[in-house]
Every structure is written in C-alpha cells, then in structure tokens.
Amino acid sequence: MKNTKFAWVALFALAWSCGPKTSENSVTETVIEEVLVAENSLTEDEKADGWMLLFDGVNTDGWRAFNGDSFPSDGWVVEDGSLKALGKGGDIGGDIVFGPVEFEEFEMEWTWKISPGGNSGVLYHVVEDPKYKAPYETGPEYQMIDQLGFTDPLEKWQSIGADYAMTEPDYEGVVKEAGEWNTSRIILSEKGSSYYLNGKKTVEFVPYSEEWTAARNSGKWNDFPDYAISKTGLISLQDHGAQTWFKNIKIRKL
C-alpha cells in the first residue's frame, strides 16, 4: 500500500509540473458591457420602481404656463430633445408647470445647462392661484445658475445647488462652465431631504423642522407669507431671463 500511495503522489507531481503555468505578470481583463440608455427615457427597472417621465424629448404634453391653460410656445420650445426656455421671462412671468400631477414626497432627477450669466431653477409644491404672480411665492427652489460667470456677486444662499434662500450649498468640485450639461437631483421627504449636483450632495435639511422654520420665517420670505406652506403641489421650471435647457426629467413619488 505504501508503494501505491507514493506512485500516485509522483504521478500527481509529474502532471502538475507538465501542466500550464500562470505567469506572475499575467493580466486578467474584465470586460464591462456599457448599457446605453436613450435620452428622455426610462429603463425597465426605473419603470418598476415607479419613475415617471415628465418630458419625452418631443412633446410638451402636460406642461403649461403657470396660472395658464396652454403651453407658452412664444417662450419655450423643444430643441434637440430638450425643453428650452428662450430667456424671455423675468422676475414675474415665463415659468411653466407640469399640470397633471401634484407631488408631496418625491425623488426627482433632470439634466440641464444654462447660457452664460444665466439664472434659473426647478421649483416644487407650487400652488396656482390668481393672487400668486410667480411659482416662487409658494414653491421652494433648487437653484440653477452660472456660478462661474454670473455678473453680480453671489451670496452663498443664491449659489448653485442651494435650497434657494433657505439652505446654503456645498458645491465645491462639481461646478461646470455655462453651456455644459449638469445632472441634478432632489430627494424631498419630511424625514430628511437633500439636493445633489453632478453626483455631490449640496444641501441637506429636514422640512418643517425648527431650523428649517427659522430660515423660512426670516429674511427673503418675509414678504411671501404662503411660501413653503403647502406640503404638496406642482413641479415648475423657471425662465428667469436666460436661455436654459432641460431634459431627462423624471420623478417618482416616495
């Protein structure tokens, strides 16, 4: 039995010595297949997770002027798969809303770019009524602005990625030149909310908390008693006098 055992060991050793060897310097390549998703579309996983597309790149269905009943084609157009503000708006007038659905707690993403020196934003919980002249009288705003090229000095609360005039943002390292595409995101929940710019969290806050209420009741919003009072409302895109492009606008209720 001992001789048989040694024979098997010798045979195994011979097979190992004659077999293929892996070089210490060999490189194993991993091929990652990139899945391309068409602009202004949802993946099957996103559909299953409850995402809703607000713009398909072609039609303006669902969008209309704030306090209006039709799409303002004199101030907004579809251009190369983007919903484009022509920059004819101002402090009052020019903004549009997505009319069919109101949102309470939600997650929203969109892609955007702005012309040099431009200023714009996305607003939510917007309430329509003839007594309101603009969406910002009721709806909080994700600030979009040419941070690098705006002509006037910007306060921190006016800066890109801010919860406008409420929570100052941290945008270091993710600001792009005017005319370049950005990706933004809002997560809005009473448990805790946050804004993102190009993958970085810029602000974090708890709506209706003591700190949030203190900001709400001071400074900028003293003249707007109905600002951020409603916990549900419409999504609005702002034309604040600058050409601005929006696409890949999607949202889901939380």
Protein backbone atom coordinates (compact mmCIF):
# COMPACT_ATOMS: atom_id res chain seq x y z
CA MET A 1 0.00 0.00 0.00
CA LYS A 2 2.88 2.37 0.75
CA ASN A 3 4.34 1.89 -2.76
CA THR A 4 0.95 2.54 -4.38
CA LYS A 5 0.49 5.73 -2.38
CA PHE A 6 3.90 7.06 -3.39
CA ALA A 7 3.18 6.22 -7.02
CA TRP A 8 0.02 8.34 -7.01
CA VAL A 9 1.91 11.23 -5.40
CA ALA A 10 4.64 11.00 -8.05
CA LEU A 11 2.09 10.89 -10.84
CA PHE A 12 0.32 13.96 -9.44
CA ALA A 13 3.62 15.84 -9.16
CA LEU A 14 4.51 14.98 -12.76
CA ALA A 15 1.14 16.15 -14.04
CA TRP A 16 1.46 19.41 -12.15
CA SER A 17 4.95 20.09 -13.47
CA CYS A 18 3.86 19.45 -17.07
CA GLY A 19 0.64 21.41 -16.85
CA PRO A 20 0.10 25.04 -17.92
CA LYS A 21 1.52 27.68 -15.59
CA THR A 22 0.11 31.10 -14.82
CA SER A 23 2.65 33.86 -15.16
CA GLU A 24 3.01 36.13 -12.16
CA ASN A 25 2.89 39.08 -14.56
CA SER A 26 -0.22 37.95 -16.43
CA VAL A 27 -3.18 40.34 -16.51
CA THR A 28 -6.76 39.24 -16.28
CA GLU A 29 -9.02 41.52 -18.30
CA THR A 30 -12.56 42.18 -17.16
CA VAL A 31 -14.88 43.37 -19.88
CA ILE A 32 -17.71 45.56 -18.61
CA GLU A 33 -20.55 45.95 -21.04
CA GLU A 34 -21.84 49.51 -21.11
CA VAL A 35 -25.61 49.73 -21.36
CA LEU A 36 -26.68 52.85 -23.23
CA VAL A 37 -29.98 54.41 -22.20
CA ALA A 38 -31.71 56.67 -24.69
CA GLU A 39 -32.22 60.30 -23.73
CA ASN A 40 -35.60 61.15 -22.21
CA SER A 41 -36.49 57.55 -21.50
CA LEU A 42 -36.86 55.19 -18.54
CA THR A 43 -35.26 51.81 -18.05
CA GLU A 44 -37.41 48.82 -17.19
CA ASP A 45 -36.02 48.92 -13.65
CA GLU A 46 -36.97 52.60 -13.30
CA LYS A 47 -40.48 51.87 -14.51
CA ALA A 48 -40.76 49.05 -11.99
CA ASP A 49 -39.58 51.44 -9.25
CA GLY A 50 -42.36 53.91 -10.08
CA TRP A 51 -40.44 56.56 -12.02
CA MET A 52 -42.48 58.85 -14.27
CA LEU A 53 -41.06 60.70 -17.27
CA LEU A 54 -42.19 64.34 -17.46
CA PHE A 55 -40.79 65.04 -20.93
CA ASP A 56 -40.15 62.62 -23.81
CA GLY A 57 -37.89 64.91 -25.84
CA VAL A 58 -40.55 65.57 -28.47
CA ASN A 59 -43.90 66.58 -26.97
CA THR A 60 -44.74 69.19 -24.37
CA ASP A 61 -47.74 67.23 -23.11
CA GLY A 62 -48.66 68.14 -19.55
CA TRP A 63 -46.68 71.38 -19.48
CA ARG A 64 -48.40 74.75 -19.47
CA ALA A 65 -47.86 78.30 -18.31
CA PHE A 66 -48.11 78.98 -14.59
CA ASN A 67 -51.71 80.00 -13.89
CA GLY A 68 -52.41 79.30 -17.57
CA ASP A 69 -54.17 76.68 -19.63
CA SER A 70 -51.78 76.19 -22.55
CA PHE A 71 -48.10 75.76 -23.35
CA PRO A 72 -46.38 79.16 -23.90
CA SER A 73 -44.77 78.44 -27.28
CA ASP A 74 -43.62 82.05 -27.52
CA GLY A 75 -41.28 81.50 -24.57
CA TRP A 76 -40.47 77.79 -24.63
CA VAL A 77 -39.57 75.39 -27.45
CA VAL A 78 -38.40 71.83 -27.95
CA GLU A 79 -34.82 71.88 -29.27
CA ASP A 80 -32.64 68.81 -29.91
CA GLY A 81 -34.52 66.71 -27.38
CA SER A 82 -34.53 69.44 -24.74
CA LEU A 83 -37.23 71.63 -23.29
CA LYS A 84 -35.72 75.08 -23.79
CA ALA A 85 -36.60 78.36 -22.09
CA LEU A 86 -35.90 81.19 -24.53
CA GLY A 87 -34.99 83.63 -21.78
CA LYS A 88 -37.95 85.93 -22.28
CA GLY A 89 -39.15 85.58 -18.69
CA GLY A 90 -38.14 87.61 -15.69
CA ASP A 91 -38.91 88.00 -12.02
CA ILE A 92 -42.56 87.67 -12.95
CA GLY A 93 -43.79 85.60 -15.91
CA GLY A 94 -42.30 82.97 -18.16
CA ASP A 95 -42.38 79.93 -15.85
CA ILE A 96 -44.11 76.66 -16.71
CA VAL A 97 -45.63 73.89 -14.59
CA PHE A 98 -46.36 70.21 -15.11
CA GLY A 99 -50.11 70.30 -14.59
CA PRO A 100 -51.48 66.74 -14.50
CA VAL A 101 -49.98 65.60 -11.16
CA GLU A 102 -49.22 67.14 -7.77
CA PHE A 103 -46.37 65.73 -5.72
CA GLU A 104 -45.82 65.56 -1.98
CA GLU A 105 -42.76 63.49 -1.04
CA PHE A 106 -40.73 62.60 -4.12
CA GLU A 107 -37.39 61.94 -5.78
CA MET A 108 -36.64 63.88 -8.96
CA GLU A 109 -33.75 63.94 -11.44
CA TRP A 110 -33.06 66.06 -14.51
CA THR A 111 -30.27 67.19 -16.83
CA TRP A 112 -29.74 70.86 -17.61
CA LYS A 113 -27.46 73.54 -18.98
CA ILE A 114 -27.66 77.32 -18.93
CA SER A 115 -26.38 80.20 -21.05
CA PRO A 116 -23.52 82.42 -19.80
CA GLY A 117 -24.58 84.64 -16.92
CA GLY A 118 -27.86 82.76 -16.61
CA ASN A 119 -30.14 82.12 -13.65
CA SER A 120 -32.95 79.56 -13.38
CA GLY A 121 -34.34 76.86 -11.14
CA VAL A 122 -36.70 73.97 -10.52
CA LEU A 123 -39.49 74.56 -8.03
CA TYR A 124 -41.87 72.16 -6.29
CA HIS A 125 -45.00 72.28 -4.10
CA VAL A 126 -46.10 75.16 -6.34
CA VAL A 127 -49.66 76.38 -5.79
CA GLU A 128 -51.61 78.11 -8.55
CA ASP A 129 -53.99 80.96 -7.77
CA PRO A 130 -54.59 84.37 -9.39
CA LYS A 131 -53.25 86.01 -6.24
CA TYR A 132 -49.81 84.49 -6.92
CA LYS A 133 -47.75 86.12 -9.66
CA ALA A 134 -44.96 83.54 -9.80
CA PRO A 135 -44.25 79.97 -8.62
CA TYR A 136 -41.59 81.13 -6.13
CA GLU A 137 -44.28 82.78 -3.98
CA THR A 138 -45.28 79.31 -2.79
CA GLY A 139 -42.73 76.76 -4.03
CA PRO A 140 -39.21 76.04 -2.72
CA GLU A 141 -36.48 76.14 -5.36
CA TYR A 142 -33.44 74.15 -6.42
CA GLN A 143 -31.13 76.94 -7.59
CA MET A 144 -29.59 76.69 -11.08
CA ILE A 145 -27.17 79.45 -12.04
CA ASP A 146 -23.95 80.19 -13.92
CA GLN A 147 -21.89 80.06 -10.75
CA LEU A 148 -18.64 80.93 -12.52
CA GLY A 149 -19.88 83.65 -14.83
CA PHE A 150 -22.78 85.41 -13.11
CA THR A 151 -22.24 89.15 -13.41
CA ASP A 152 -23.15 90.09 -9.82
CA PRO A 153 -21.51 88.70 -6.67
CA LEU A 154 -23.47 85.75 -5.34
CA GLU A 155 -24.40 85.17 -1.73
CA LYS A 156 -23.97 81.56 -0.62
CA TRP A 157 -27.76 81.13 -0.39
CA GLN A 158 -28.06 82.25 -4.05
CA SER A 159 -25.49 79.76 -5.29
CA ILE A 160 -25.83 76.69 -7.47
CA GLY A 161 -27.40 73.67 -5.81
CA ALA A 162 -28.86 75.74 -2.95
CA ASP A 163 -32.26 75.34 -1.41
CA TYR A 164 -32.71 78.92 -2.53
CA ALA A 165 -32.63 81.46 0.33
CA MET A 166 -33.05 78.60 2.82
CA THR A 167 -30.02 76.26 2.96
CA GLU A 168 -26.53 77.18 1.73
CA PRO A 169 -24.91 74.63 -0.61
CA ASP A 170 -21.56 72.87 -0.77
CA TYR A 171 -20.83 72.85 -4.50
CA GLU A 172 -17.03 72.70 -4.43
CA GLY A 173 -15.53 70.46 -7.09
CA VAL A 174 -18.67 69.90 -9.19
CA VAL A 175 -19.36 73.29 -10.82
CA LYS A 176 -19.20 73.33 -14.63
CA GLU A 177 -18.86 76.14 -17.12
CA ALA A 178 -22.02 77.66 -18.59
CA GLY A 179 -23.16 75.66 -21.59
CA GLU A 180 -22.06 72.31 -20.13
CA TRP A 181 -24.60 69.70 -19.07
CA ASN A 182 -25.30 69.12 -15.38
CA THR A 183 -27.27 66.42 -13.60
CA SER A 184 -29.35 67.43 -10.59
CA ARG A 185 -31.43 65.52 -8.10
CA ILE A 186 -33.90 66.31 -5.32
CA ILE A 187 -34.98 63.93 -2.59
CA LEU A 188 -37.86 65.52 -0.69
CA SER A 189 -39.14 63.83 2.45
CA GLU A 190 -40.24 65.06 5.87
CA LYS A 191 -37.79 62.56 7.38
CA GLY A 192 -34.93 64.34 5.63
CA SER A 193 -34.31 66.00 2.28
CA SER A 194 -31.27 66.62 0.10
CA TYR A 195 -30.21 68.16 -3.20
CA TYR A 196 -27.44 66.84 -5.46
CA LEU A 197 -25.36 68.38 -8.24
CA ASN A 198 -23.33 66.17 -10.58
CA GLY A 199 -23.30 63.39 -8.01
CA LYS A 200 -22.42 65.51 -4.96
CA LYS A 201 -24.84 66.27 -2.14
CA THR A 202 -25.03 70.06 -1.93
CA VAL A 203 -27.61 70.55 0.83
CA GLU A 204 -29.35 68.50 3.48
CA PHE A 205 -32.30 69.66 5.58
CA VAL A 206 -35.39 68.48 7.42
CA PRO A 207 -38.51 70.25 6.13
CA TYR A 208 -40.71 71.83 8.80
CA SER A 209 -38.08 71.28 11.49
CA GLU A 210 -37.22 74.04 13.97
CA GLU A 211 -34.12 75.04 11.99
CA TRP A 212 -35.98 74.98 8.68
CA THR A 213 -38.86 77.02 10.10
CA ALA A 214 -36.44 79.63 11.46
CA ALA A 215 -34.99 80.05 7.95
CA ARG A 216 -38.47 80.14 6.48
CA ASN A 217 -39.55 82.93 8.83
CA SER A 218 -36.62 85.25 8.26
CA GLY A 219 -35.15 87.40 5.52
CA LYS A 220 -36.11 86.67 1.94
CA TRP A 221 -39.54 85.22 2.58
CA ASN A 222 -40.96 87.89 4.91
CA ASP A 223 -42.95 89.32 2.01
CA PHE A 224 -44.30 85.93 0.92
CA PRO A 225 -46.48 84.52 3.72
CA ASP A 226 -47.52 81.46 1.70
CA TYR A 227 -44.01 80.37 0.77
CA ALA A 228 -43.41 76.66 1.52
CA ILE A 229 -46.68 76.34 3.44
CA SER A 230 -48.24 73.73 1.16
CA LYS A 231 -46.87 70.20 1.55
CA THR A 232 -47.99 69.24 -1.94
CA GLY A 233 -48.10 70.96 -5.30
CA LEU A 234 -46.84 71.20 -8.88
CA ILE A 235 -43.36 70.97 -10.37
CA SER A 236 -42.25 74.16 -12.13
CA LEU A 237 -39.40 75.05 -14.48
CA GLN A 238 -38.23 78.64 -14.30
CA ASP A 239 -37.48 81.08 -17.09
CA HIS A 240 -35.68 83.82 -15.21
CA GLY A 241 -34.43 85.65 -18.26
CA ALA A 242 -31.77 83.22 -19.51
CA GLN A 243 -31.78 80.53 -22.13
CA THR A 244 -31.94 77.25 -20.24
CA TRP A 245 -32.23 73.66 -21.44
CA PHE A 246 -33.90 70.77 -19.58
CA LYS A 247 -34.05 67.08 -20.46
CA ASN A 248 -34.23 63.62 -18.85
CA ILE A 249 -36.81 64.99 -16.41
CA LYS A 250 -38.09 62.11 -14.27
CA ILE A 251 -39.77 61.79 -10.90
CA ARG A 252 -41.23 59.21 -8.57
CA LYS A 253 -43.41 59.52 -5.51
CA LEU A 254 -41.97 58.38 -2.19
